[in-house]
Amino acid sequence: MVCILMAMPLALIAIALGVFIRHLVNKATRNKKDSNLVKSSILPFIILLTAGLIEKQITAGDREIISVKTEIILPYTPLEVYDAIKSVDTVIAEKTWLMKLDLPVPVKCVLDEEKEGGIRTCYFGGGKIVEKITHLEKGKVQQMDVIDYQLTGRKWLGFEEAIYLFEETGTNSCKLTRITTYTSTLTPRFYWEPLEKTGIGQEHDYVFEHIENFLKNTR
């Protein structure tokens, strides 16, 4: 549903372009009735089809690498925040508006070993993401490479890296930063990138709300 809604403006633009081209062809050939059918119907189709094939060849294999960063200040120590996020039994938070439209919802994260090389698996309503810890300093940084993912949109989206940063900002205060690095082959980039970032940002916000609620209830 989200993909359909996001792609609809592009489809409407393509329809409008087709109508405009047909109008121009009709205007140029209105005195040539015998050739109207070919020029007003088939010619615009050939032009748009050719343009689409050229665009596909030009962008074939291109992947944009993008990072999305979200920050929050929490009234807890970095170690408390780290302990709350390293492994999550059940993610409980208010669904964002995109999640209500079928964006994958985080369910839980399971950490097999709390060390570099450990595997952290995050389950979603629509699949899972498997991460391998590459750098770990408790209460400071947890950096992970994505080694496998099974989510809606995996044909055009790829997930590369996930990072949590824990920065002490005062007595019993921590700035938590989440950075997600992903790749995308969707074009045009000026249209899709802001929407992709919004979706990933809402995933971050959902997890942050859970952490905030969890720490509030366990203190």
Protein backbone atom coordinates (compact mmCIF):
# COMPACT_ATOMS: atom_id res chain seq x y z
CA MET A 1 0.00 0.00 0.00
CA VAL A 2 2.81 2.43 0.88
CA CYS A 3 4.61 1.68 -2.40
CA ILE A 4 1.43 2.24 -4.41
CA LEU A 5 0.71 5.57 -2.71
CA MET A 6 4.32 6.72 -3.14
CA ALA A 7 4.42 5.79 -6.84
CA MET A 8 1.04 7.33 -7.70
CA PRO A 9 2.33 10.91 -8.23
CA LEU A 10 4.88 9.59 -10.75
CA ALA A 11 2.15 7.70 -12.60
CA LEU A 12 -0.02 10.83 -12.73
CA ILE A 13 2.91 12.85 -14.11
CA ALA A 14 3.48 10.19 -16.82
CA ILE A 15 -0.24 10.27 -17.77
CA ALA A 16 -0.20 14.07 -17.94
CA LEU A 17 2.91 13.97 -20.13
CA GLY A 18 1.25 11.50 -22.47
CA VAL A 19 -1.86 13.69 -22.77
CA PHE A 20 0.31 16.74 -23.47
CA ILE A 21 2.28 14.96 -26.21
CA ARG A 22 -0.92 13.72 -27.80
CA HIS A 23 -2.33 17.25 -27.74
CA LEU A 24 0.77 18.57 -29.53
CA VAL A 25 0.64 15.80 -32.14
CA ASN A 26 -3.07 16.36 -32.73
CA LYS A 27 -2.51 20.07 -33.14
CA ALA A 28 0.28 19.52 -35.64
CA THR A 29 -1.63 16.92 -37.70
CA ARG A 30 -5.27 18.05 -37.44
CA ASN A 31 -5.42 18.63 -41.19
CA LYS A 32 -4.04 15.17 -41.95
CA LYS A 33 -6.87 12.92 -40.85
CA ASP A 34 -5.44 9.77 -42.44
CA SER A 35 -2.36 9.81 -40.22
CA ASN A 36 -3.98 10.99 -37.00
CA LEU A 37 -4.42 7.54 -35.47
CA VAL A 38 -0.79 6.57 -35.89
CA LYS A 39 0.72 9.91 -34.94
CA SER A 40 -1.57 10.67 -31.99
CA SER A 41 -1.64 7.21 -30.43
CA ILE A 42 1.36 5.12 -31.43
CA LEU A 43 3.97 7.89 -31.73
CA PRO A 44 3.66 9.10 -28.08
CA PHE A 45 3.87 5.47 -26.92
CA ILE A 46 7.07 4.90 -28.91
CA ILE A 47 8.62 8.13 -27.62
CA LEU A 48 7.90 7.34 -23.96
CA LEU A 49 8.94 3.69 -24.33
CA THR A 50 12.24 4.71 -25.91
CA ALA A 51 12.88 7.29 -23.19
CA GLY A 52 12.16 4.66 -20.53
CA LEU A 53 14.59 2.15 -22.07
CA ILE A 54 17.32 4.79 -22.37
CA GLU A 55 16.83 5.85 -18.74
CA LYS A 56 17.00 2.20 -17.62
CA GLN A 57 20.28 1.62 -19.46
CA ILE A 58 21.86 4.83 -18.13
CA THR A 59 21.00 4.04 -14.51
CA ALA A 60 21.58 0.26 -14.68
CA GLY A 61 23.63 -0.88 -11.70
CA ASP A 62 23.65 2.53 -10.03
CA ARG A 63 23.22 2.42 -6.25
CA GLU A 64 22.93 5.43 -4.02
CA ILE A 65 24.44 5.02 -0.53
CA ILE A 66 22.54 7.09 2.03
CA SER A 67 22.76 7.50 5.80
CA VAL A 68 19.86 8.46 8.06
CA LYS A 69 20.68 9.79 11.53
CA THR A 70 18.26 10.29 14.42
CA GLU A 71 19.11 11.63 17.89
CA ILE A 72 17.36 11.79 21.23
CA ILE A 73 18.34 12.99 24.72
CA LEU A 74 17.39 10.58 27.50
CA PRO A 75 17.61 11.24 31.28
CA TYR A 76 19.60 8.08 31.91
CA THR A 77 23.25 7.07 31.93
CA PRO A 78 24.83 5.75 28.70
CA LEU A 79 25.15 2.28 30.25
CA GLU A 80 21.45 2.21 31.17
CA VAL A 81 20.50 3.17 27.61
CA TYR A 82 22.94 0.64 26.15
CA ASP A 83 21.52 -2.17 28.30
CA ALA A 84 17.99 -1.26 27.18
CA ILE A 85 18.82 -1.43 23.48
CA LYS A 86 21.35 -4.22 23.03
CA SER A 87 18.56 -6.82 23.08
CA VAL A 88 14.80 -6.14 23.10
CA ASP A 89 12.23 -8.79 24.02
CA THR A 90 9.20 -6.92 22.71
CA VAL A 91 9.11 -3.49 21.08
CA ILE A 92 6.11 -1.57 22.44
CA ALA A 93 5.36 1.92 21.11
CA GLU A 94 2.75 3.91 19.22
CA LYS A 95 2.75 3.05 15.52
CA THR A 96 3.77 5.90 13.20
CA TRP A 97 1.49 6.94 10.33
CA LEU A 98 3.57 5.03 7.78
CA MET A 99 3.46 1.90 9.93
CA LYS A 100 -0.31 2.16 9.91
CA LEU A 101 -0.02 2.07 6.11
CA ASP A 102 2.03 -1.16 6.24
CA LEU A 103 5.63 0.00 6.82
CA PRO A 104 7.41 -2.95 8.55
CA VAL A 105 7.00 -2.72 12.33
CA PRO A 106 9.92 -3.73 14.61
CA VAL A 107 8.91 -6.57 16.94
CA LYS A 108 12.04 -7.63 18.86
CA CYS A 109 15.84 -7.89 18.65
CA VAL A 110 17.82 -10.92 19.84
CA LEU A 111 21.58 -10.77 20.56
CA ASP A 112 23.38 -14.12 20.64
CA GLU A 113 26.72 -12.87 22.03
CA GLU A 114 27.59 -9.48 23.51
CA LYS A 115 30.95 -9.08 21.75
CA GLU A 116 32.47 -8.18 18.39
CA GLY A 117 31.40 -10.87 15.97
CA GLY A 118 28.13 -11.42 17.82
CA ILE A 119 24.92 -11.70 15.79
CA ARG A 120 21.94 -9.46 16.47
CA THR A 121 18.69 -10.39 14.73
CA CYS A 122 15.87 -7.86 14.56
CA TYR A 123 12.43 -9.21 13.69
CA PHE A 124 9.76 -7.13 11.95
CA GLY A 125 6.14 -7.70 11.09
CA GLY A 126 7.32 -8.14 7.49
CA GLY A 127 10.60 -10.05 7.89
CA LYS A 128 13.94 -9.66 9.66
CA ILE A 129 17.36 -7.99 9.55
CA VAL A 130 20.48 -9.87 10.66
CA GLU A 131 23.42 -7.80 11.89
CA LYS A 132 27.00 -8.68 12.87
CA ILE A 133 28.72 -6.56 15.54
CA THR A 134 31.94 -5.06 14.15
CA HIS A 135 32.76 -2.58 16.94
CA LEU A 136 31.51 -2.66 20.52
CA GLU A 137 32.26 -0.38 23.46
CA LYS A 138 29.58 -0.77 26.11
CA GLY A 139 27.87 2.54 26.79
CA LYS A 140 29.74 4.23 23.93
CA VAL A 141 29.22 2.59 20.54
CA GLN A 142 27.60 -0.45 18.99
CA GLN A 143 28.41 -0.73 15.28
CA MET A 144 26.98 -3.50 13.10
CA ASP A 145 27.15 -4.65 9.49
CA VAL A 146 23.92 -5.95 7.96
CA ILE A 147 24.66 -9.47 6.68
CA ASP A 148 21.13 -10.50 5.71
CA TYR A 149 17.69 -8.93 5.42
CA GLN A 150 14.27 -10.14 4.37
CA LEU A 151 11.96 -7.16 4.16
CA THR A 152 9.43 -5.70 1.79
CA GLY A 153 11.25 -3.69 -0.87
CA ARG A 154 14.46 -5.73 -0.69
CA LYS A 155 14.77 -5.76 -4.49
CA TRP A 156 15.44 -2.05 -4.63
CA LEU A 157 16.56 -1.30 -1.05
CA GLY A 158 19.69 -2.67 0.60
CA PHE A 159 20.80 -2.26 4.20
CA GLU A 160 24.51 -1.85 4.86
CA GLU A 161 25.21 -0.73 8.42
CA ALA A 162 23.54 0.13 11.73
CA ILE A 163 25.22 2.18 14.45
CA TYR A 164 24.20 3.21 17.97
CA LEU A 165 26.22 5.97 19.64
CA PHE A 166 25.91 6.72 23.37
CA GLU A 167 27.21 10.12 24.48
CA GLU A 168 27.14 11.36 28.07
CA THR A 169 25.67 14.87 28.09
CA GLY A 170 25.51 15.51 31.85
CA THR A 171 24.74 13.77 35.11
CA ASN A 172 22.46 10.84 34.31
CA SER A 173 21.89 12.11 30.78
CA CYS A 174 22.70 10.49 27.45
CA LYS A 175 22.41 11.49 23.80
CA LEU A 176 21.49 8.39 21.83
CA THR A 177 22.23 8.49 18.09
CA ARG A 178 21.02 5.89 15.62
CA ILE A 179 22.57 5.81 12.13
CA THR A 180 21.25 3.55 9.38
CA THR A 181 23.17 3.25 6.12
CA TYR A 182 21.27 1.86 3.17
CA THR A 183 21.40 1.66 -0.63
CA SER A 184 18.66 2.31 -3.16
CA THR A 185 18.24 1.87 -6.91
CA LEU A 186 14.96 3.78 -7.14
CA THR A 187 14.89 6.77 -9.49
CA PRO A 188 14.38 9.69 -9.72
CA ARG A 189 16.40 10.20 -6.52
CA PHE A 190 15.06 13.69 -5.78
CA TYR A 191 11.62 12.12 -5.34
CA TRP A 192 12.36 8.81 -3.62
CA GLU A 193 15.17 9.77 -1.23
CA PRO A 194 13.10 12.05 1.06
CA LEU A 195 10.39 9.37 1.26
CA GLU A 196 12.94 6.63 2.03
CA LYS A 197 14.50 8.76 4.76
CA THR A 198 11.09 9.48 6.25
CA GLY A 199 10.33 5.75 6.46
CA ILE A 200 13.65 4.88 8.11
CA GLY A 201 13.39 7.90 10.42
CA GLN A 202 10.00 6.67 11.61
CA GLU A 203 11.53 3.24 12.32
CA HIS A 204 14.13 5.03 14.50
CA ASP A 205 11.47 7.07 16.30
CA TYR A 206 9.43 3.94 17.02
CA VAL A 207 12.39 2.20 18.67
CA PHE A 208 13.37 5.37 20.57
CA GLU A 209 9.86 5.65 22.00
CA HIS A 210 10.06 2.04 23.17
CA ILE A 211 13.43 2.64 24.86
CA GLU A 212 12.11 5.75 26.60
CA ASN A 213 9.03 3.88 27.87
CA PHE A 214 11.06 0.84 28.90
CA LEU A 215 13.56 2.84 30.94
CA LYS A 216 10.79 4.88 32.55
CA ASN A 217 9.00 1.70 33.68
CA THR A 218 12.10 -0.10 34.96
CA ARG A 219 13.72 2.69 36.99
